[in-house]
Amino acid sequence: MPYFHVVFTLPAEIGAIAHTNKAVIYDLLFKASSQTLLTIAADPKRLGVRIGFTSVLHTWGSAMTHHPHVHKIVPGGGIALDGTRWINSSPDYLLPVPVLSRLFRGRTPQHRPTASAIAIRIDTS
């Protein structure tokens, strides 16, 4: 089964607020990103499943600057909404990134246009 690496990042303006409001902003990041994945995966036009994932908070970017973002490892599929079976995603595609990004932006303060999501397939072979 393929796994996918999905990253949700906040715009710099909100990241800057996190220096003095860590608990609030990091909680917002986890909740908004989790709700986004759960909502889009459950949409019958997408996968129509209940998914699970592991989340890891990173607060610094590769350039060693403050850059709060959350990494999620997501299995390639989930349990059907009726609970009767497992439904696989495409082996190379989990969920549409533009749709994830749009919904995530709508769940962050002031609907920031620079909040985003990316998804990458993890090679498990």
PDB file of N, CA and C in Angstrom:
ATOM      1  N   MET A   1       0.846  -1.168   0.000  1.00  0.00           N
ATOM      2  CA  MET A   1       0.000   0.000   0.000  1.00  0.00           C
ATOM      3  C   MET A   1       0.895   1.236   0.000  1.00  0.00           C
ATOM      4  N   PRO A   2       0.607   2.192  -0.875  1.00  0.00           N
ATOM      5  CA  PRO A   2       1.403   3.425  -0.871  1.00  0.00           C
ATOM      6  C   PRO A   2       1.031   4.314   0.322  1.00  0.00           C
ATOM      7  N   TYR A   3       1.974   5.128   0.717  1.00  0.00           N
ATOM      8  CA  TYR A   3       1.750   6.160   1.717  1.00  0.00           C
ATOM      9  C   TYR A   3       2.053   7.491   1.071  1.00  0.00           C
ATOM     10  N   PHE A   4       1.460   8.538   1.595  1.00  0.00           N
ATOM     11  CA  PHE A   4       1.666   9.871   1.044  1.00  0.00           C
ATOM     12  C   PHE A   4       2.142  10.816   2.137  1.00  0.00           C
ATOM     13  N   HIS A   5       3.034  11.698   1.754  1.00  0.00           N
ATOM     14  CA  HIS A   5       3.568  12.733   2.635  1.00  0.00           C
ATOM     15  C   HIS A   5       2.869  14.029   2.262  1.00  0.00           C
ATOM     16  N   VAL A   6       2.072  14.546   3.173  1.00  0.00           N
ATOM     17  CA  VAL A   6       1.319  15.767   2.936  1.00  0.00           C
ATOM     18  C   VAL A   6       1.826  16.825   3.908  1.00  0.00           C
ATOM     19  N   VAL A   7       2.108  18.019   3.395  1.00  0.00           N
ATOM     20  CA  VAL A   7       2.633  19.097   4.235  1.00  0.00           C
ATOM     21  C   VAL A   7       1.689  20.290   4.158  1.00  0.00           C
ATOM     22  N   PHE A   8       1.336  20.814   5.321  1.00  0.00           N
ATOM     23  CA  PHE A   8       0.524  22.021   5.415  1.00  0.00           C
ATOM     24  C   PHE A   8       1.382  23.109   6.047  1.00  0.00           C
ATOM     25  N   THR A   9       1.412  24.268   5.427  1.00  0.00           N
ATOM     26  CA  THR A   9       2.245  25.352   5.932  1.00  0.00           C
ATOM     27  C   THR A   9       1.429  26.623   6.109  1.00  0.00           C
ATOM     28  N   LEU A  10       1.840  27.433   7.069  1.00  0.00           N
ATOM     29  CA  LEU A  10       1.177  28.704   7.341  1.00  0.00           C
ATOM     30  C   LEU A  10       1.936  29.843   6.672  1.00  0.00           C
ATOM     31  N   PRO A  11       1.237  30.918   6.345  1.00  0.00           N
ATOM     32  CA  PRO A  11       1.939  32.087   5.806  1.00  0.00           C
ATOM     33  C   PRO A  11       2.839  32.706   6.880  1.00  0.00           C
ATOM     34  N   ALA A  12       3.857  33.426   6.445  1.00  0.00           N
ATOM     35  CA  ALA A  12       4.840  34.024   7.353  1.00  0.00           C
ATOM     36  C   ALA A  12       4.196  34.924   8.406  1.00  0.00           C
ATOM     37  N   GLU A  13       3.138  35.645   8.022  1.00  0.00           N
ATOM     38  CA  GLU A  13       2.499  36.563   8.974  1.00  0.00           C
ATOM     39  C   GLU A  13       1.945  35.812  10.184  1.00  0.00           C
ATOM     40  N   ILE A  14       1.355  34.653   9.943  1.00  0.00           N
ATOM     41  CA  ILE A  14       0.801  33.867  11.048  1.00  0.00           C
ATOM     42  C   ILE A  14       1.928  33.147  11.781  1.00  0.00           C
ATOM     43  N   GLY A  15       2.929  32.690  11.036  1.00  0.00           N
ATOM     44  CA  GLY A  15       4.080  32.052  11.665  1.00  0.00           C
ATOM     45  C   GLY A  15       4.757  32.979  12.662  1.00  0.00           C
ATOM     46  N   ALA A  16       4.821  34.262  12.324  1.00  0.00           N
ATOM     47  CA  ALA A  16       5.444  35.236  13.217  1.00  0.00           C
ATOM     48  C   ALA A  16       4.669  35.355  14.528  1.00  0.00           C
ATOM     49  N   ILE A  17       3.357  35.239  14.467  1.00  0.00           N
ATOM     50  CA  ILE A  17       2.524  35.306  15.675  1.00  0.00           C
ATOM     51  C   ILE A  17       2.808  34.110  16.583  1.00  0.00           C
ATOM     52  N   ALA A  18       3.219  33.001  16.009  1.00  0.00           N
ATOM     53  CA  ALA A  18       3.452  31.782  16.780  1.00  0.00           C
ATOM     54  C   ALA A  18       4.576  31.934  17.796  1.00  0.00           C
ATOM     55  N   HIS A  19       5.499  32.857  17.564  1.00  0.00           N
ATOM     56  CA  HIS A  19       6.582  33.059  18.540  1.00  0.00           C
ATOM     57  C   HIS A  19       6.038  33.370  19.925  1.00  0.00           C
ATOM     58  N   THR A  20       4.964  34.133  19.994  1.00  0.00           N
ATOM     59  CA  THR A  20       4.417  34.529  21.295  1.00  0.00           C
ATOM     60  C   THR A  20       3.109  33.830  21.627  1.00  0.00           C
ATOM     61  N   ASN A  21       2.567  33.068  20.701  1.00  0.00           N
ATOM     62  CA  ASN A  21       1.296  32.363  20.902  1.00  0.00           C
ATOM     63  C   ASN A  21       1.397  30.929  20.410  1.00  0.00           C
ATOM     64  N   LYS A  22       2.431  30.236  20.837  1.00  0.00           N
ATOM     65  CA  LYS A  22       2.707  28.895  20.313  1.00  0.00           C
ATOM     66  C   LYS A  22       1.513  27.945  20.453  1.00  0.00           C
ATOM     67  N   ALA A  23       0.964  27.842  21.638  1.00  0.00           N
ATOM     68  CA  ALA A  23      -0.112  26.869  21.871  1.00  0.00           C
ATOM     69  C   ALA A  23      -1.308  27.139  20.960  1.00  0.00           C
ATOM     70  N   VAL A  24      -1.685  28.378  20.819  1.00  0.00           N
ATOM     71  CA  VAL A  24      -2.854  28.729  20.013  1.00  0.00           C
ATOM     72  C   VAL A  24      -2.601  28.452  18.533  1.00  0.00           C
ATOM     73  N   ILE A  25      -1.479  28.931  18.021  1.00  0.00           N
ATOM     74  CA  ILE A  25      -1.195  28.797  16.587  1.00  0.00           C
ATOM     75  C   ILE A  25      -0.913  27.350  16.210  1.00  0.00           C
ATOM     76  N   TYR A  26      -0.141  26.633  17.015  1.00  0.00           N
ATOM     77  CA  TYR A  26       0.153  25.238  16.674  1.00  0.00           C
ATOM     78  C   TYR A  26      -1.104  24.389  16.768  1.00  0.00           C
ATOM     79  N   ASP A  27      -1.977  24.668  17.736  1.00  0.00           N
ATOM     80  CA  ASP A  27      -3.252  23.965  17.826  1.00  0.00           C
ATOM     81  C   ASP A  27      -4.090  24.240  16.583  1.00  0.00           C
ATOM     82  N   LEU A  28      -4.137  25.490  16.165  1.00  0.00           N
ATOM     83  CA  LEU A  28      -4.853  25.867  14.937  1.00  0.00           C
ATOM     84  C   LEU A  28      -4.301  25.110  13.730  1.00  0.00           C
ATOM     85  N   LEU A  29      -2.991  25.032  13.612  1.00  0.00           N
ATOM     86  CA  LEU A  29      -2.353  24.345  12.485  1.00  0.00           C
ATOM     87  C   LEU A  29      -2.732  22.862  12.469  1.00  0.00           C
ATOM     88  N   PHE A  30      -2.646  22.197  13.623  1.00  0.00           N
ATOM     89  CA  PHE A  30      -3.013  20.784  13.680  1.00  0.00           C
ATOM     90  C   PHE A  30      -4.493  20.580  13.360  1.00  0.00           C
ATOM     91  N   LYS A  31      -5.363  21.380  13.963  1.00  0.00           N
ATOM     92  CA  LYS A  31      -6.802  21.203  13.742  1.00  0.00           C
ATOM     93  C   LYS A  31      -7.201  21.511  12.303  1.00  0.00           C
ATOM     94  N   ALA A  32      -6.720  22.628  11.768  1.00  0.00           N
ATOM     95  CA  ALA A  32      -7.099  23.011  10.401  1.00  0.00           C
ATOM     96  C   ALA A  32      -6.603  21.985   9.384  1.00  0.00           C
ATOM     97  N   SER A  33      -5.371  21.516   9.539  1.00  0.00           N
ATOM     98  CA  SER A  33      -4.831  20.543   8.576  1.00  0.00           C
ATOM     99  C   SER A  33      -5.536  19.192   8.711  1.00  0.00           C
ATOM    100  N   SER A  34      -5.808  18.765   9.929  1.00  0.00           N
ATOM    101  CA  SER A  34      -6.496  17.482  10.133  1.00  0.00           C
ATOM    102  C   SER A  34      -7.914  17.527   9.590  1.00  0.00           C
ATOM    103  N   GLN A  35      -8.652  18.593   9.909  1.00  0.00           N
ATOM    104  CA  GLN A  35     -10.019  18.722   9.413  1.00  0.00           C
ATOM    105  C   GLN A  35     -10.049  18.789   7.888  1.00  0.00           C
ATOM    106  N   THR A  36      -9.059  19.436   7.303  1.00  0.00           N
ATOM    107  CA  THR A  36      -8.989  19.520   5.844  1.00  0.00           C
ATOM    108  C   THR A  36      -8.845  18.130   5.227  1.00  0.00           C
ATOM    109  N   LEU A  37      -7.885  17.351   5.703  1.00  0.00           N
ATOM    110  CA  LEU A  37      -7.694  15.998   5.158  1.00  0.00           C
ATOM    111  C   LEU A  37      -8.921  15.126   5.373  1.00  0.00           C
ATOM    112  N   LEU A  38      -9.475  15.142   6.579  1.00  0.00           N
ATOM    113  CA  LEU A  38     -10.636  14.301   6.879  1.00  0.00           C
ATOM    114  C   LEU A  38     -11.836  14.676   6.009  1.00  0.00           C
ATOM    115  N   THR A  39     -12.055  15.964   5.812  1.00  0.00           N
ATOM    116  CA  THR A  39     -13.199  16.438   5.028  1.00  0.00           C
ATOM    117  C   THR A  39     -13.075  16.057   3.559  1.00  0.00           C
ATOM    118  N   ILE A  40     -11.915  16.316   2.965  1.00  0.00           N
ATOM    119  CA  ILE A  40     -11.740  16.030   1.530  1.00  0.00           C
ATOM    120  C   ILE A  40     -11.725  14.521   1.282  1.00  0.00           C
ATOM    121  N   ALA A  41     -11.091  13.751   2.150  1.00  0.00           N
ATOM    122  CA  ALA A  41     -11.068  12.289   1.967  1.00  0.00           C
ATOM    123  C   ALA A  41     -12.468  11.691   2.078  1.00  0.00           C
ATOM    124  N   ALA A  42     -13.323  12.256   2.930  1.00  0.00           N
ATOM    125  CA  ALA A  42     -14.679  11.724   3.116  1.00  0.00           C
ATOM    126  C   ALA A  42     -15.634  12.123   1.996  1.00  0.00           C
ATOM    127  N   ASP A  43     -15.266  13.103   1.209  1.00  0.00           N
ATOM    128  CA  ASP A  43     -16.126  13.580   0.118  1.00  0.00           C
ATOM    129  C   ASP A  43     -16.305  12.457  -0.911  1.00  0.00           C
ATOM    130  N   PRO A  44     -17.547  12.048  -1.183  1.00  0.00           N
ATOM    131  CA  PRO A  44     -17.774  10.977  -2.160  1.00  0.00           C
ATOM    132  C   PRO A  44     -17.245  11.303  -3.563  1.00  0.00           C
ATOM    133  N   LYS A  45     -17.066  12.577  -3.896  1.00  0.00           N
ATOM    134  CA  LYS A  45     -16.472  12.932  -5.196  1.00  0.00           C
ATOM    135  C   LYS A  45     -14.969  12.682  -5.190  1.00  0.00           C
ATOM    136  N   ARG A  46     -14.386  12.489  -4.035  1.00  0.00           N
ATOM    137  CA  ARG A  46     -12.945  12.223  -3.914  1.00  0.00           C
ATOM    138  C   ARG A  46     -12.774  10.741  -3.605  1.00  0.00           C
ATOM    139  N   LEU A  47     -12.339  10.419  -2.393  1.00  0.00           N
ATOM    140  CA  LEU A  47     -12.191   9.000  -2.023  1.00  0.00           C
ATOM    141  C   LEU A  47     -13.440   8.432  -1.363  1.00  0.00           C
ATOM    142  N   GLY A  48     -14.160   9.239  -0.602  1.00  0.00           N
ATOM    143  CA  GLY A  48     -15.333   8.749   0.115  1.00  0.00           C
ATOM    144  C   GLY A  48     -14.972   7.790   1.230  1.00  0.00           C
ATOM    145  N   VAL A  49     -13.913   8.122   1.986  1.00  0.00           N
ATOM    146  CA  VAL A  49     -13.424   7.232   3.044  1.00  0.00           C
ATOM    147  C   VAL A  49     -13.098   8.010   4.316  1.00  0.00           C
ATOM    148  N   ARG A  50     -12.981   7.241   5.397  1.00  0.00           N
ATOM    149  CA  ARG A  50     -12.424   7.768   6.648  1.00  0.00           C
ATOM    150  C   ARG A  50     -10.956   7.379   6.649  1.00  0.00           C
ATOM    151  N   ILE A  51     -10.093   8.374   6.777  1.00  0.00           N
ATOM    152  CA  ILE A  51      -8.655   8.107   6.748  1.00  0.00           C
ATOM    153  C   ILE A  51      -8.049   8.299   8.133  1.00  0.00           C
ATOM    154  N   GLY A  52      -6.848   7.805   8.259  1.00  0.00           N
ATOM    155  CA  GLY A  52      -6.024   8.043   9.435  1.00  0.00           C
ATOM    156  C   GLY A  52      -4.708   8.624   8.971  1.00  0.00           C
ATOM    157  N   PHE A  53      -3.954   9.195   9.885  1.00  0.00           N
ATOM    158  CA  PHE A  53      -2.654   9.763   9.530  1.00  0.00           C
ATOM    159  C   PHE A  53      -1.852  10.027  10.793  1.00  0.00           C
ATOM    160  N   THR A  54      -0.575  10.180  10.614  1.00  0.00           N
ATOM    161  CA  THR A  54       0.334  10.590  11.682  1.00  0.00           C
ATOM    162  C   THR A  54       0.791  12.000  11.363  1.00  0.00           C
ATOM    163  N   SER A  55       0.791  12.876  12.373  1.00  0.00           N
ATOM    164  CA  SER A  55       1.167  14.277  12.173  1.00  0.00           C
ATOM    165  C   SER A  55       2.402  14.624  12.989  1.00  0.00           C
ATOM    166  N   VAL A  56       3.281  15.427  12.388  1.00  0.00           N
ATOM    167  CA  VAL A  56       4.495  15.891  13.065  1.00  0.00           C
ATOM    168  C   VAL A  56       4.635  17.384  12.817  1.00  0.00           C
ATOM    169  N   LEU A  57       4.786  18.138  13.896  1.00  0.00           N
ATOM    170  CA  LEU A  57       4.970  19.581  13.795  1.00  0.00           C
ATOM    171  C   LEU A  57       6.445  19.901  13.585  1.00  0.00           C
ATOM    172  N   HIS A  58       6.731  20.726  12.602  1.00  0.00           N
ATOM    173  CA  HIS A  58       8.065  21.302  12.413  1.00  0.00           C
ATOM    174  C   HIS A  58       7.917  22.804  12.579  1.00  0.00           C
ATOM    175  N   THR A  59       8.787  23.399  13.349  1.00  0.00           N
ATOM    176  CA  THR A  59       8.685  24.845  13.574  1.00  0.00           C
ATOM    177  C   THR A  59       9.782  25.627  12.867  1.00  0.00           C
ATOM    178  N   TRP A  60      10.745  24.934  12.308  1.00  0.00           N
ATOM    179  CA  TRP A  60      11.852  25.599  11.605  1.00  0.00           C
ATOM    180  C   TRP A  60      11.984  25.008  10.218  1.00  0.00           C
ATOM    181  N   GLY A  61      12.310  25.845   9.242  1.00  0.00           N
ATOM    182  CA  GLY A  61      12.525  25.393   7.877  1.00  0.00           C
ATOM    183  C   GLY A  61      13.966  24.966   7.663  1.00  0.00           C
ATOM    184  N   SER A  62      14.289  24.510   6.478  1.00  0.00           N
ATOM    185  CA  SER A  62      15.643  24.042   6.169  1.00  0.00           C
ATOM    186  C   SER A  62      16.667  25.170   6.219  1.00  0.00           C
ATOM    187  N   ALA A  63      16.213  26.414   6.070  1.00  0.00           N
ATOM    188  CA  ALA A  63      17.127  27.568   6.154  1.00  0.00           C
ATOM    189  C   ALA A  63      17.291  28.033   7.603  1.00  0.00           C
ATOM    190  N   MET A  64      16.781  27.239   8.559  1.00  0.00           N
ATOM    191  CA  MET A  64      16.859  27.556   9.988  1.00  0.00           C
ATOM    192  C   MET A  64      16.158  28.870  10.332  1.00  0.00           C
ATOM    193  N   THR A  65      15.040  29.099   9.686  1.00  0.00           N
ATOM    194  CA  THR A  65      14.186  30.237  10.003  1.00  0.00           C
ATOM    195  C   THR A  65      12.878  29.695  10.566  1.00  0.00           C
ATOM    196  N   HIS A  66      12.220  30.499  11.362  1.00  0.00           N
ATOM    197  CA  HIS A  66      10.948  30.061  11.943  1.00  0.00           C
ATOM    198  C   HIS A  66       9.923  29.889  10.828  1.00  0.00           C
ATOM    199  N   HIS A  67       9.413  28.689  10.690  1.00  0.00           N
ATOM    200  CA  HIS A  67       8.515  28.352   9.585  1.00  0.00           C
ATOM    201  C   HIS A  67       7.608  27.201  10.037  1.00  0.00           C
ATOM    202  N   PRO A  68       6.542  27.509  10.813  1.00  0.00           N
ATOM    203  CA  PRO A  68       5.691  26.427  11.309  1.00  0.00           C
ATOM    204  C   PRO A  68       4.949  25.716  10.182  1.00  0.00           C
ATOM    205  N   HIS A  69       5.042  24.407  10.187  1.00  0.00           N
ATOM    206  CA  HIS A  69       4.324  23.576   9.218  1.00  0.00           C
ATOM    207  C   HIS A  69       4.155  22.189   9.822  1.00  0.00           C
ATOM    208  N   VAL A  70       3.183  21.457   9.307  1.00  0.00           N
ATOM    209  CA  VAL A  70       2.923  20.119   9.821  1.00  0.00           C
ATOM    210  C   VAL A  70       3.056  19.116   8.680  1.00  0.00           C
ATOM    211  N   HIS A  71       3.765  18.032   8.970  1.00  0.00           N
ATOM    212  CA  HIS A  71       3.931  16.916   8.042  1.00  0.00           C
ATOM    213  C   HIS A  71       2.941  15.836   8.446  1.00  0.00           C
ATOM    214  N   LYS A  72       2.291  15.237   7.456  1.00  0.00           N
ATOM    215  CA  LYS A  72       1.362  14.142   7.721  1.00  0.00           C
ATOM    216  C   LYS A  72       1.723  12.962   6.821  1.00  0.00           C
ATOM    217  N   ILE A  73       1.767  11.795   7.414  1.00  0.00           N
ATOM    218  CA  ILE A  73       1.942  10.555   6.659  1.00  0.00           C
ATOM    219  C   ILE A  73       0.564   9.899   6.596  1.00  0.00           C
ATOM    220  N   VAL A  74       0.088   9.679   5.366  1.00  0.00           N
ATOM    221  CA  VAL A  74      -1.279   9.218   5.148  1.00  0.00           C
ATOM    222  C   VAL A  74      -1.251   7.930   4.317  1.00  0.00           C
ATOM    223  N   PRO A  75      -1.900   6.857   4.792  1.00  0.00           N
ATOM    224  CA  PRO A  75      -1.987   5.653   3.963  1.00  0.00           C
ATOM    225  C   PRO A  75      -2.769   5.935   2.682  1.00  0.00           C
ATOM    226  N   GLY A  76      -2.489   5.190   1.653  1.00  0.00           N
ATOM    227  CA  GLY A  76      -3.153   5.365   0.367  1.00  0.00           C
ATOM    228  C   GLY A  76      -4.518   4.727   0.321  1.00  0.00           C
ATOM    229  N   GLY A  77      -5.436   5.225   1.128  1.00  0.00           N
ATOM    230  CA  GLY A  77      -6.797   4.717   1.151  1.00  0.00           C
ATOM    231  C   GLY A  77      -7.398   4.872   2.531  1.00  0.00           C
ATOM    232  N   GLY A  78      -8.577   4.288   2.711  1.00  0.00           N
ATOM    233  CA  GLY A  78      -9.243   4.382   4.002  1.00  0.00           C
ATOM    234  C   GLY A  78     -10.445   3.466   4.071  1.00  0.00           C
ATOM    235  N   ILE A  79     -11.125   3.540   5.198  1.00  0.00           N
ATOM    236  CA  ILE A  79     -12.314   2.726   5.435  1.00  0.00           C
ATOM    237  C   ILE A  79     -13.516   3.400   4.772  1.00  0.00           C
ATOM    238  N   ALA A  80     -14.278   2.644   4.001  1.00  0.00           N
ATOM    239  CA  ALA A  80     -15.497   3.170   3.364  1.00  0.00           C
ATOM    240  C   ALA A  80     -16.376   3.819   4.418  1.00  0.00           C
ATOM    241  N   LEU A  81     -17.099   4.848   4.029  1.00  0.00           N
ATOM    242  CA  LEU A  81     -17.936   5.582   4.981  1.00  0.00           C
ATOM    243  C   LEU A  81     -18.982   4.704   5.651  1.00  0.00           C
ATOM    244  N   ASP A  82     -19.386   3.612   4.982  1.00  0.00           N
ATOM    245  CA  ASP A  82     -20.337   2.689   5.607  1.00  0.00           C
ATOM    246  C   ASP A  82     -19.644   1.649   6.483  1.00  0.00           C
ATOM    247  N   GLY A  83     -18.295   1.702   6.556  1.00  0.00           N
ATOM    248  CA  GLY A  83     -17.526   0.823   7.427  1.00  0.00           C
ATOM    249  C   GLY A  83     -17.379  -0.604   6.961  1.00  0.00           C
ATOM    250  N   THR A  84     -17.721  -0.897   5.707  1.00  0.00           N
ATOM    251  CA  THR A  84     -17.740  -2.289   5.252  1.00  0.00           C
ATOM    252  C   THR A  84     -16.469  -2.761   4.566  1.00  0.00           C
ATOM    253  N   ARG A  85     -15.613  -1.858   4.109  1.00  0.00           N
ATOM    254  CA  ARG A  85     -14.451  -2.303   3.332  1.00  0.00           C
ATOM    255  C   ARG A  85     -13.388  -1.221   3.280  1.00  0.00           C
ATOM    256  N   TRP A  86     -12.219  -1.637   2.853  1.00  0.00           N
ATOM    257  CA  TRP A  86     -11.100  -0.725   2.612  1.00  0.00           C
ATOM    258  C   TRP A  86     -11.173  -0.266   1.155  1.00  0.00           C
ATOM    259  N   ILE A  87     -10.952   1.019   0.917  1.00  0.00           N
ATOM    260  CA  ILE A  87     -10.924   1.553  -0.448  1.00  0.00           C
ATOM    261  C   ILE A  87      -9.549   2.159  -0.674  1.00  0.00           C
ATOM    262  N   ASN A  88      -8.863   1.671  -1.706  1.00  0.00           N
ATOM    263  CA  ASN A  88      -7.541   2.192  -2.042  1.00  0.00           C
ATOM    264  C   ASN A  88      -7.645   3.489  -2.834  1.00  0.00           C
ATOM    265  N   SER A  89      -6.686   4.362  -2.621  1.00  0.00           N
ATOM    266  CA  SER A  89      -6.539   5.518  -3.502  1.00  0.00           C
ATOM    267  C   SER A  89      -5.779   5.051  -4.738  1.00  0.00           C
ATOM    268  N   SER A  90      -5.629   5.942  -5.684  1.00  0.00           N
ATOM    269  CA  SER A  90      -4.743   5.648  -6.797  1.00  0.00           C
ATOM    270  C   SER A  90      -3.340   5.460  -6.221  1.00  0.00           C
ATOM    271  N   PRO A  91      -2.517   4.582  -6.791  1.00  0.00           N
ATOM    272  CA  PRO A  91      -1.179   4.382  -6.237  1.00  0.00           C
ATOM    273  C   PRO A  91      -0.290   5.626  -6.309  1.00  0.00           C
ATOM    274  N   ASP A  92      -0.600   6.537  -7.214  1.00  0.00           N
ATOM    275  CA  ASP A  92       0.239   7.730  -7.380  1.00  0.00           C
ATOM    276  C   ASP A  92      -0.451   9.024  -6.965  1.00  0.00           C
ATOM    277  N   TYR A  93      -1.672   8.919  -6.428  1.00  0.00           N
ATOM    278  CA  TYR A  93      -2.462  10.126  -6.207  1.00  0.00           C
ATOM    279  C   TYR A  93      -3.378   9.908  -5.018  1.00  0.00           C
ATOM    280  N   LEU A  94      -3.295  10.793  -4.037  1.00  0.00           N
ATOM    281  CA  LEU A  94      -4.162  10.666  -2.866  1.00  0.00           C
ATOM    282  C   LEU A  94      -5.389  11.560  -2.996  1.00  0.00           C
ATOM    283  N   LEU A  95      -5.177  12.851  -2.909  1.00  0.00           N
ATOM    284  CA  LEU A  95      -6.261  13.831  -2.977  1.00  0.00           C
ATOM    285  C   LEU A  95      -5.767  15.035  -3.768  1.00  0.00           C
ATOM    286  N   PRO A  96      -6.660  15.798  -4.384  1.00  0.00           N
ATOM    287  CA  PRO A  96      -6.221  16.944  -5.194  1.00  0.00           C
ATOM    288  C   PRO A  96      -5.655  18.073  -4.320  1.00  0.00           C
ATOM    289  N   VAL A  97      -4.394  18.384  -4.539  1.00  0.00           N
ATOM    290  CA  VAL A  97      -3.704  19.403  -3.749  1.00  0.00           C
ATOM    291  C   VAL A  97      -4.389  20.766  -3.834  1.00  0.00           C
ATOM    292  N   PRO A  98      -4.840  21.226  -5.023  1.00  0.00           N
ATOM    293  CA  PRO A  98      -5.520  22.527  -5.045  1.00  0.00           C
ATOM    294  C   PRO A  98      -6.765  22.569  -4.151  1.00  0.00           C
ATOM    295  N   VAL A  99      -7.493  21.462  -4.094  1.00  0.00           N
ATOM    296  CA  VAL A  99      -8.685  21.397  -3.241  1.00  0.00           C
ATOM    297  C   VAL A  99      -8.277  21.413  -1.772  1.00  0.00           C
ATOM    298  N   LEU A 100      -7.239  20.648  -1.417  1.00  0.00           N
ATOM    299  CA  LEU A 100      -6.733  20.668  -0.038  1.00  0.00           C
ATOM    300  C   LEU A 100      -6.291  22.077   0.352  1.00  0.00           C
ATOM    301  N   SER A 101      -5.544  22.722  -0.524  1.00  0.00           N
ATOM    302  CA  SER A 101      -5.034  24.070  -0.233  1.00  0.00           C
ATOM    303  C   SER A 101      -6.168  25.065  -0.028  1.00  0.00           C
ATOM    304  N   ARG A 102      -7.172  25.010  -0.898  1.00  0.00           N
ATOM    305  CA  ARG A 102      -8.296  25.950  -0.791  1.00  0.00           C
ATOM    306  C   ARG A 102      -9.034  25.783   0.533  1.00  0.00           C
ATOM    307  N   LEU A 103      -9.339  24.540   0.889  1.00  0.00           N
ATOM    308  CA  LEU A 103     -10.066  24.302   2.133  1.00  0.00           C
ATOM    309  C   LEU A 103      -9.200  24.682   3.335  1.00  0.00           C
ATOM    310  N   PHE A 104      -7.924  24.351   3.302  1.00  0.00           N
ATOM    311  CA  PHE A 104      -7.011  24.696   4.402  1.00  0.00           C
ATOM    312  C   PHE A 104      -6.935  26.214   4.573  1.00  0.00           C
ATOM    313  N   ARG A 105      -6.818  26.942   3.481  1.00  0.00           N
ATOM    314  CA  ARG A 105      -6.786  28.412   3.564  1.00  0.00           C
ATOM    315  C   ARG A 105      -8.052  28.945   4.222  1.00  0.00           C
ATOM    316  N   GLY A 106      -9.176  28.322   3.927  1.00  0.00           N
ATOM    317  CA  GLY A 106     -10.439  28.754   4.513  1.00  0.00           C
ATOM    318  C   GLY A 106     -10.551  28.457   5.997  1.00  0.00           C
ATOM    319  N   ARG A 107      -9.684  27.597   6.502  1.00  0.00           N
ATOM    320  CA  ARG A 107      -9.717  27.230   7.923  1.00  0.00           C
ATOM    321  C   ARG A 107      -8.645  27.963   8.732  1.00  0.00           C
ATOM    322  N   THR A 108      -7.869  28.803   8.095  1.00  0.00           N
ATOM    323  CA  THR A 108      -6.830  29.560   8.797  1.00  0.00           C
ATOM    324  C   THR A 108      -7.277  31.009   8.950  1.00  0.00           C
ATOM    325  N   PRO A 109      -6.712  31.747   9.909  1.00  0.00           N
ATOM    326  CA  PRO A 109      -7.162  33.114  10.174  1.00  0.00           C
ATOM    327  C   PRO A 109      -7.152  33.990   8.925  1.00  0.00           C
ATOM    328  N   GLN A 110      -8.233  34.713   8.752  1.00  0.00           N
ATOM    329  CA  GLN A 110      -8.398  35.684   7.674  1.00  0.00           C
ATOM    330  C   GLN A 110      -8.222  35.071   6.286  1.00  0.00           C
ATOM    331  N   HIS A 111      -8.384  33.760   6.181  1.00  0.00           N
ATOM    332  CA  HIS A 111      -8.332  33.075   4.880  1.00  0.00           C
ATOM    333  C   HIS A 111      -7.097  33.480   4.092  1.00  0.00           C
ATOM    334  N   ARG A 112      -5.960  33.293   4.669  1.00  0.00           N
ATOM    335  CA  ARG A 112      -4.685  33.712   4.075  1.00  0.00           C
ATOM    336  C   ARG A 112      -4.431  33.024   2.740  1.00  0.00           C
ATOM    337  N   PRO A 113      -4.160  33.779   1.684  1.00  0.00           N
ATOM    338  CA  PRO A 113      -3.954  33.186   0.369  1.00  0.00           C
ATOM    339  C   PRO A 113      -2.649  32.408   0.239  1.00  0.00           C
ATOM    340  N   THR A 114      -1.721  32.577   1.175  1.00  0.00           N
ATOM    341  CA  THR A 114      -0.446  31.874   1.049  1.00  0.00           C
ATOM    342  C   THR A 114      -0.383  30.592   1.864  1.00  0.00           C
ATOM    343  N   ALA A 115      -1.415  30.279   2.649  1.00  0.00           N
ATOM    344  CA  ALA A 115      -1.450  28.988   3.326  1.00  0.00           C
ATOM    345  C   ALA A 115      -1.580  27.919   2.250  1.00  0.00           C
ATOM    346  N   SER A 116      -0.881  26.799   2.420  1.00  0.00           N
ATOM    347  CA  SER A 116      -0.890  25.827   1.331  1.00  0.00           C
ATOM    348  C   SER A 116      -0.716  24.398   1.813  1.00  0.00           C
ATOM    349  N   ALA A 117      -0.919  23.486   0.876  1.00  0.00           N
ATOM    350  CA  ALA A 117      -0.719  22.059   1.116  1.00  0.00           C
ATOM    351  C   ALA A 117       0.004  21.480  -0.086  1.00  0.00           C
ATOM    352  N   ILE A 118       0.847  20.486   0.171  1.00  0.00           N
ATOM    353  CA  ILE A 118       1.469  19.719  -0.918  1.00  0.00           C
ATOM    354  C   ILE A 118       1.355  18.238  -0.554  1.00  0.00           C
ATOM    355  N   ALA A 119       1.336  17.377  -1.543  1.00  0.00           N
ATOM    356  CA  ALA A 119       1.271  15.942  -1.306  1.00  0.00           C
ATOM    357  C   ALA A 119       2.282  15.240  -2.198  1.00  0.00           C
ATOM    358  N   ILE A 120       3.000  14.301  -1.625  1.00  0.00           N
ATOM    359  CA  ILE A 120       4.036  13.551  -2.352  1.00  0.00           C
ATOM    360  C   ILE A 120       3.866  12.073  -2.008  1.00  0.00           C
ATOM    361  N   ARG A 121       3.916  11.209  -3.011  1.00  0.00           N
ATOM    362  CA  ARG A 121       3.850   9.778  -2.772  1.00  0.00           C
ATOM    363  C   ARG A 121       5.176   9.314  -2.180  1.00  0.00           C
ATOM    364  N   ILE A 122       5.096   8.448  -1.170  1.00  0.00           N
ATOM    365  CA  ILE A 122       6.299   7.878  -0.565  1.00  0.00           C
ATOM    366  C   ILE A 122       6.521   6.512  -1.164  1.00  0.00           C
ATOM    367  N   ASP A 123       7.684   6.279  -1.714  1.00  0.00           N
ATOM    368  CA  ASP A 123       8.020   4.996  -2.308  1.00  0.00           C
ATOM    369  C   ASP A 123       8.304   4.000  -1.193  1.00  0.00           C
ATOM    370  N   THR A 124       7.500   2.957  -1.102  1.00  0.00           N
ATOM    371  CA  THR A 124       7.661   1.962  -0.038  1.00  0.00           C
ATOM    372  C   THR A 124       8.310   0.682  -0.543  1.00  0.00           C
ATOM    373  N   SER A 125       8.775   0.688  -1.769  1.00  0.00           N
ATOM    374  CA  SER A 125       9.385  -0.546  -2.300  1.00  0.00           C
ATOM    375  C   SER A 125      10.837  -0.644  -1.934  1.00  0.00           C
TER     376      SER A 125
END
